PDB file of N, CA and C in Angstrom:
ATOM      1  N   MET A   1       0.757  -1.129  -0.084  1.00  0.00           N
ATOM      2  CA  MET A   1      -0.090   0.040  -0.083  1.00  0.00           C
ATOM      3  C   MET A   1       0.906   1.176  -0.041  1.00  0.00           C
ATOM      4  N   GLU A   2       0.657   2.207  -0.692  1.00  0.00           N
ATOM      5  CA  GLU A   2       1.277   3.429  -0.952  1.00  0.00           C
ATOM      6  C   GLU A   2       0.643   4.534  -0.376  1.00  0.00           C
ATOM      7  N   TYR A   3       1.471   5.305   0.487  1.00  0.00           N
ATOM      8  CA  TYR A   3       0.589   6.580   1.046  1.00  0.00           C
ATOM      9  C   TYR A   3       1.269   7.776   0.715  1.00  0.00           C
ATOM     10  N   SER A   4       0.350   8.754   0.218  1.00  0.00           N
ATOM     11  CA  SER A   4       0.850   9.973  -0.360  1.00  0.00           C
ATOM     12  C   SER A   4       1.078  10.943   0.735  1.00  0.00           C
ATOM     13  N   THR A   5       0.542  10.902   1.956  1.00  0.00           N
ATOM     14  CA  THR A   5       0.792  11.769   3.134  1.00  0.00           C
ATOM     15  C   THR A   5       0.735  11.141   4.442  1.00  0.00           C
ATOM     16  N   ILE A   6       1.280  11.773   5.447  1.00  0.00           N
ATOM     17  CA  ILE A   6       1.339  11.240   6.665  1.00  0.00           C
ATOM     18  C   ILE A   6      -0.247  11.130   7.071  1.00  0.00           C
ATOM     19  N   ALA A   7      -1.152  12.132   6.737  1.00  0.00           N
ATOM     20  CA  ALA A   7      -2.372  11.874   7.114  1.00  0.00           C
ATOM     21  C   ALA A   7      -3.045  10.540   6.696  1.00  0.00           C
ATOM     22  N   SER A   8      -2.807  10.290   5.299  1.00  0.00           N
ATOM     23  CA  SER A   8      -3.508   9.080   5.005  1.00  0.00           C
ATOM     24  C   SER A   8      -2.924   7.755   5.549  1.00  0.00           C
ATOM     25  N   TYR A   9      -1.691   7.846   5.860  1.00  0.00           N
ATOM     26  CA  TYR A   9      -0.929   6.593   6.536  1.00  0.00           C
ATOM     27  C   TYR A   9      -1.548   6.491   7.946  1.00  0.00           C
ATOM     28  N   VAL A  10      -1.664   7.578   8.616  1.00  0.00           N
ATOM     29  CA  VAL A  10      -2.266   7.553  10.056  1.00  0.00           C
ATOM     30  C   VAL A  10      -3.633   6.975   9.986  1.00  0.00           C
ATOM     31  N   LYS A  11      -4.445   7.411   8.979  1.00  0.00           N
ATOM     32  CA  LYS A  11      -5.842   7.048   9.076  1.00  0.00           C
ATOM     33  C   LYS A  11      -5.948   5.588   8.626  1.00  0.00           C
ATOM     34  N   ALA A  12      -4.965   5.149   7.576  1.00  0.00           N
ATOM     35  CA  ALA A  12      -5.109   3.687   7.158  1.00  0.00           C
ATOM     36  C   ALA A  12      -4.611   2.793   8.463  1.00  0.00           C
ATOM     37  N   MET A  13      -3.583   3.225   9.128  1.00  0.00           N
ATOM     38  CA  MET A  13      -3.096   2.386  10.021  1.00  0.00           C
ATOM     39  C   MET A  13      -4.115   2.351  11.216  1.00  0.00           C
ATOM     40  N   ARG A  14      -4.716   3.351  11.465  1.00  0.00           N
ATOM     41  CA  ARG A  14      -5.656   3.459  12.654  1.00  0.00           C
ATOM     42  C   ARG A  14      -6.832   2.497  12.287  1.00  0.00           C
ATOM     43  N   LYS A  15      -7.365   2.439  11.038  1.00  0.00           N
ATOM     44  CA  LYS A  15      -8.337   1.601  10.719  1.00  0.00           C
ATOM     45  C   LYS A  15      -7.868   0.169  10.660  1.00  0.00           C
ATOM     46  N   ARG A  16      -6.608  -0.011  10.198  1.00  0.00           N
ATOM     47  CA  ARG A  16      -6.076  -1.437  10.053  1.00  0.00           C
ATOM     48  C   ARG A  16      -6.138  -2.048  11.482  1.00  0.00           C
ATOM     49  N   TYR A  17      -5.776  -1.298  12.555  1.00  0.00           N
ATOM     50  CA  TYR A  17      -5.891  -1.721  13.814  1.00  0.00           C
ATOM     51  C   TYR A  17      -7.134  -1.761  14.624  1.00  0.00           C
ATOM     52  N   ASN A  18      -8.171  -1.256  13.925  1.00  0.00           N
ATOM     53  CA  ASN A  18      -9.434  -1.060  14.357  1.00  0.00           C
ATOM     54  C   ASN A  18      -9.620  -0.241  15.591  1.00  0.00           C
ATOM     55  N   LEU A  19      -8.764   1.085  15.371  1.00  0.00           N
ATOM     56  CA  LEU A  19      -8.848   1.983  16.475  1.00  0.00           C
ATOM     57  C   LEU A  19      -9.749   3.121  16.153  1.00  0.00           C
ATOM     58  N   THR A  20     -10.474   3.598  16.974  1.00  0.00           N
ATOM     59  CA  THR A  20     -11.131   4.745  16.759  1.00  0.00           C
ATOM     60  C   THR A  20     -10.223   6.065  16.839  1.00  0.00           C
ATOM     61  N   GLN A  21     -10.539   7.247  16.547  1.00  0.00           N
ATOM     62  CA  GLN A  21      -9.750   8.303  16.723  1.00  0.00           C
ATOM     63  C   GLN A  21      -9.551   8.561  18.407  1.00  0.00           C
ATOM     64  N   VAL A  22     -10.610   8.228  19.118  1.00  0.00           N
ATOM     65  CA  VAL A  22     -10.424   8.388  20.492  1.00  0.00           C
ATOM     66  C   VAL A  22      -9.391   7.456  21.095  1.00  0.00           C
ATOM     67  N   ASP A  23      -9.640   6.166  20.728  1.00  0.00           N
ATOM     68  CA  ASP A  23      -8.551   5.204  20.957  1.00  0.00           C
ATOM     69  C   ASP A  23      -7.121   5.575  20.586  1.00  0.00           C
ATOM     70  N   LEU A  24      -6.908   6.112  19.560  1.00  0.00           N
ATOM     71  CA  LEU A  24      -5.516   6.559  18.980  1.00  0.00           C
ATOM     72  C   LEU A  24      -5.057   7.642  19.885  1.00  0.00           C
ATOM     73  N   SER A  25      -5.967   8.636  20.364  1.00  0.00           N
ATOM     74  CA  SER A  25      -5.452   9.709  21.084  1.00  0.00           C
ATOM     75  C   SER A  25      -5.149   9.194  22.445  1.00  0.00           C
ATOM     76  N   GLN A  26      -5.853   8.301  23.078  1.00  0.00           N
ATOM     77  CA  GLN A  26      -5.437   7.881  24.351  1.00  0.00           C
ATOM     78  C   GLN A  26      -4.126   7.066  24.357  1.00  0.00           C
ATOM     79  N   LYS A  27      -4.150   6.097  23.431  1.00  0.00           N
ATOM     80  CA  LYS A  27      -2.947   5.297  23.277  1.00  0.00           C
ATOM     81  C   LYS A  27      -1.543   5.996  22.941  1.00  0.00           C
ATOM     82  N   SER A  28      -1.803   7.127  22.130  1.00  0.00           N
ATOM     83  CA  SER A  28      -0.653   7.852  21.895  1.00  0.00           C
ATOM     84  C   SER A  28      -0.237   8.949  22.928  1.00  0.00           C
ATOM     85  N   GLY A  29      -1.066   9.337  23.622  1.00  0.00           N
ATOM     86  CA  GLY A  29      -1.102  10.515  24.652  1.00  0.00           C
ATOM     87  C   GLY A  29      -1.107  11.816  23.897  1.00  0.00           C
ATOM     88  N   VAL A  30      -1.835  11.888  22.884  1.00  0.00           N
ATOM     89  CA  VAL A  30      -2.157  13.251  22.324  1.00  0.00           C
ATOM     90  C   VAL A  30      -3.549  13.494  22.430  1.00  0.00           C
ATOM     91  N   GLY A  31      -4.023  14.796  22.224  1.00  0.00           N
ATOM     92  CA  GLY A  31      -5.428  15.155  22.196  1.00  0.00           C
ATOM     93  C   GLY A  31      -6.268  14.557  21.057  1.00  0.00           C
ATOM     94  N   LEU A  32      -7.548  14.441  21.161  1.00  0.00           N
ATOM     95  CA  LEU A  32      -8.495  13.970  20.157  1.00  0.00           C
ATOM     96  C   LEU A  32      -8.422  15.116  18.969  1.00  0.00           C
ATOM     97  N   ARG A  33      -8.358  16.281  19.418  1.00  0.00           N
ATOM     98  CA  ARG A  33      -8.388  17.265  18.403  1.00  0.00           C
ATOM     99  C   ARG A  33      -7.161  17.149  17.401  1.00  0.00           C
ATOM    100  N   PHE A  34      -6.042  16.911  18.317  1.00  0.00           N
ATOM    101  CA  PHE A  34      -4.633  16.666  17.390  1.00  0.00           C
ATOM    102  C   PHE A  34      -4.783  15.532  16.532  1.00  0.00           C
ATOM    103  N   VAL A  35      -5.510  14.338  16.742  1.00  0.00           N
ATOM    104  CA  VAL A  35      -5.444  13.320  15.982  1.00  0.00           C
ATOM    105  C   VAL A  35      -6.489  13.721  14.804  1.00  0.00           C
ATOM    106  N   ARG A  36      -7.582  14.400  14.950  1.00  0.00           N
ATOM    107  CA  ARG A  36      -8.420  14.775  13.914  1.00  0.00           C
ATOM    108  C   ARG A  36      -7.681  15.759  13.087  1.00  0.00           C
ATOM    109  N   ASP A  37      -6.992  16.707  13.593  1.00  0.00           N
ATOM    110  CA  ASP A  37      -6.212  17.645  12.533  1.00  0.00           C
ATOM    111  C   ASP A  37      -5.106  16.782  11.723  1.00  0.00           C
ATOM    112  N   LEU A  38      -4.558  15.910  12.445  1.00  0.00           N
ATOM    113  CA  LEU A  38      -3.357  15.071  11.805  1.00  0.00           C
ATOM    114  C   LEU A  38      -4.074  14.357  10.588  1.00  0.00           C
ATOM    115  N   GLU A  39      -5.257  13.707  10.860  1.00  0.00           N
ATOM    116  CA  GLU A  39      -5.927  13.018   9.620  1.00  0.00           C
ATOM    117  C   GLU A  39      -6.356  13.818   8.846  1.00  0.00           C
ATOM    118  N   GLN A  40      -6.773  15.013   9.049  1.00  0.00           N
ATOM    119  CA  GLN A  40      -7.145  15.959   7.846  1.00  0.00           C
ATOM    120  C   GLN A  40      -6.181  16.613   7.249  1.00  0.00           C
ATOM    121  N   GLY A  41      -4.809  16.304   7.496  1.00  0.00           N
ATOM    122  CA  GLY A  41      -3.748  16.930   6.838  1.00  0.00           C
ATOM    123  C   GLY A  41      -3.328  18.495   7.247  1.00  0.00           C
ATOM    124  N   LYS A  42      -3.609  18.832   8.390  1.00  0.00           N
ATOM    125  CA  LYS A  42      -3.308  20.172   8.879  1.00  0.00           C
ATOM    126  C   LYS A  42      -1.734  20.376   8.869  1.00  0.00           C
ATOM    127  N   GLN A  43      -1.322  21.494   8.193  1.00  0.00           N
ATOM    128  CA  GLN A  43       0.016  21.741   8.021  1.00  0.00           C
ATOM    129  C   GLN A  43       1.010  22.121   9.058  1.00  0.00           C
ATOM    130  N   THR A  44       0.351  22.662  10.154  1.00  0.00           N
ATOM    131  CA  THR A  44       1.229  23.189  11.206  1.00  0.00           C
ATOM    132  C   THR A  44       0.977  22.298  12.476  1.00  0.00           C
ATOM    133  N   LEU A  45       1.314  21.211  12.420  1.00  0.00           N
ATOM    134  CA  LEU A  45       1.220  20.434  13.618  1.00  0.00           C
ATOM    135  C   LEU A  45       2.806  20.155  14.220  1.00  0.00           C
ATOM    136  N   ARG A  46       2.877  19.899  15.426  1.00  0.00           N
ATOM    137  CA  ARG A  46       4.194  19.640  16.151  1.00  0.00           C
ATOM    138  C   ARG A  46       4.777  18.356  15.589  1.00  0.00           C
ATOM    139  N   MET A  47       5.941  18.331  15.238  1.00  0.00           N
ATOM    140  CA  MET A  47       6.548  16.992  14.753  1.00  0.00           C
ATOM    141  C   MET A  47       6.665  16.143  15.863  1.00  0.00           C
ATOM    142  N   ASP A  48       7.012  16.549  17.306  1.00  0.00           N
ATOM    143  CA  ASP A  48       7.190  15.616  18.320  1.00  0.00           C
ATOM    144  C   ASP A  48       5.755  14.939  18.566  1.00  0.00           C
ATOM    145  N   LYS A  49       4.744  15.636  18.367  1.00  0.00           N
ATOM    146  CA  LYS A  49       3.409  14.953  18.585  1.00  0.00           C
ATOM    147  C   LYS A  49       3.050  14.050  17.456  1.00  0.00           C
ATOM    148  N   ILE A  50       3.442  14.520  16.266  1.00  0.00           N
ATOM    149  CA  ILE A  50       3.114  13.524  15.240  1.00  0.00           C
ATOM    150  C   ILE A  50       3.923  12.196  15.401  1.00  0.00           C
ATOM    151  N   ASN A  51       5.149  12.257  15.927  1.00  0.00           N
ATOM    152  CA  ASN A  51       6.004  11.089  16.189  1.00  0.00           C
ATOM    153  C   ASN A  51       5.385  10.296  17.215  1.00  0.00           C
ATOM    154  N   GLN A  52       4.670  10.922  18.250  1.00  0.00           N
ATOM    155  CA  GLN A  52       4.085  10.207  19.379  1.00  0.00           C
ATOM    156  C   GLN A  52       3.073   9.161  18.748  1.00  0.00           C
ATOM    157  N   VAL A  53       2.295   9.611  17.742  1.00  0.00           N
ATOM    158  CA  VAL A  53       1.270   8.899  17.188  1.00  0.00           C
ATOM    159  C   VAL A  53       1.908   7.893  16.134  1.00  0.00           C
ATOM    160  N   LEU A  54       2.905   8.219  15.327  1.00  0.00           N
ATOM    161  CA  LEU A  54       3.504   7.200  14.559  1.00  0.00           C
ATOM    162  C   LEU A  54       4.279   6.155  15.186  1.00  0.00           C
ATOM    163  N   ARG A  55       4.852   6.455  16.327  1.00  0.00           N
ATOM    164  CA  ARG A  55       5.521   5.453  17.071  1.00  0.00           C
ATOM    165  C   ARG A  55       4.564   4.094  17.459  1.00  0.00           C
ATOM    166  N   LEU A  56       3.354   4.546  17.547  1.00  0.00           N
ATOM    167  CA  LEU A  56       2.576   3.214  17.879  1.00  0.00           C
ATOM    168  C   LEU A  56       2.413   2.141  16.647  1.00  0.00           C
ATOM    169  N   PHE A  57       2.783   2.708  15.351  1.00  0.00           N
ATOM    170  CA  PHE A  57       2.840   1.998  14.106  1.00  0.00           C
ATOM    171  C   PHE A  57       4.260   1.635  13.655  1.00  0.00           C
ATOM    172  N   GLY A  58       5.232   1.883  14.699  1.00  0.00           N
ATOM    173  CA  GLY A  58       6.539   1.703  14.268  1.00  0.00           C
ATOM    174  C   GLY A  58       7.314   2.554  13.333  1.00  0.00           C
ATOM    175  N   SER A  59       6.753   3.788  13.290  1.00  0.00           N
ATOM    176  CA  SER A  59       7.229   4.748  12.335  1.00  0.00           C
ATOM    177  C   SER A  59       7.570   5.991  12.885  1.00  0.00           C
ATOM    178  N   GLU A  60       8.269   6.878  12.198  1.00  0.00           N
ATOM    179  CA  GLU A  60       8.765   8.248  12.777  1.00  0.00           C
ATOM    180  C   GLU A  60       9.129   9.037  11.597  1.00  0.00           C
ATOM    181  N   VAL A  61       9.014  10.361  11.925  1.00  0.00           N
ATOM    182  CA  VAL A  61       9.380  11.341  10.683  1.00  0.00           C
ATOM    183  C   VAL A  61      10.358  12.308  11.363  1.00  0.00           C
ATOM    184  N   GLY A  62      11.109  12.802  10.450  1.00  0.00           N
ATOM    185  CA  GLY A  62      12.320  13.696  10.992  1.00  0.00           C
ATOM    186  C   GLY A  62      12.923  14.539   9.772  1.00  0.00           C
ATOM    187  N   PRO A  63      13.642  15.512  10.049  1.00  0.00           N
ATOM    188  CA  PRO A  63      14.274  16.287   8.842  1.00  0.00           C
ATOM    189  C   PRO A  63      15.214  15.272   8.051  1.00  0.00           C
ATOM    190  N   VAL A  64      15.237  15.660   6.794  1.00  0.00           N
ATOM    191  CA  VAL A  64      16.126  14.799   5.871  1.00  0.00           C
ATOM    192  C   VAL A  64      17.150  15.670   5.312  1.00  0.00           C
ATOM    193  N   LYS A  65      18.537  15.162   5.702  1.00  0.00           N
ATOM    194  CA  LYS A  65      19.493  15.957   5.043  1.00  0.00           C
ATOM    195  C   LYS A  65      19.655  15.699   3.495  1.00  0.00           C
ATOM    196  N   SER A  66      19.673  16.805   2.795  1.00  0.00           N
ATOM    197  CA  SER A  66      19.832  16.752   1.426  1.00  0.00           C
ATOM    198  C   SER A  66      21.171  16.528   0.932  1.00  0.00           C
ATOM    199  N   VAL A  67      21.169  15.677   0.030  1.00  0.00           N
ATOM    200  CA  VAL A  67      22.732  15.389  -0.600  1.00  0.00           C
ATOM    201  C   VAL A  67      22.762  16.245  -1.887  1.00  0.00           C
ATOM    202  N   ASN A  68      23.795  17.023  -1.943  1.00  0.00           N
ATOM    203  CA  ASN A  68      24.084  17.924  -3.044  1.00  0.00           C
ATOM    204  C   ASN A  68      24.956  17.048  -4.034  1.00  0.00           C
ATOM    205  N   THR A  69      24.450  16.662  -5.219  1.00  0.00           N
ATOM    206  CA  THR A  69      25.183  15.945  -6.019  1.00  0.00           C
ATOM    207  C   THR A  69      25.914  16.849  -6.892  1.00  0.00           C
ATOM    208  N   PHE A  70      25.498  18.165  -7.142  1.00  0.00           N
ATOM    209  CA  PHE A  70      26.124  19.057  -7.988  1.00  0.00           C
ATOM    210  C   PHE A  70      27.170  19.776  -7.246  1.00  0.00           C
ATOM    211  N   GLU A  71      28.482  19.690  -7.731  1.00  0.00           N
ATOM    212  CA  GLU A  71      29.429  20.604  -7.176  1.00  0.00           C
ATOM    213  C   GLU A  71      30.076  21.437  -8.268  1.00  0.00           C
ATOM    214  N   PRO A  72      30.175  22.671  -7.975  1.00  0.00           N
ATOM    215  CA  PRO A  72      30.745  23.652  -9.016  1.00  0.00           C
ATOM    216  C   PRO A  72      32.156  23.566  -9.246  1.00  0.00           C
TER     217      PRO A  72
END
């Protein structure tokens, strides 16, 4: 299964494990409003809280160092 966004990944994983949004918020330690915003793809969410949710599914996000292959 391919996921285009974190939002779709979280929603799909929550459904795969038969969790409600309330269950997910309780198990991850974030608020219900945060789970709803995350699943709706809100752009201004805290990365540490996103990772709290993702860790339940064995995932994590973080900054990616770009590799500059072009050297002048």
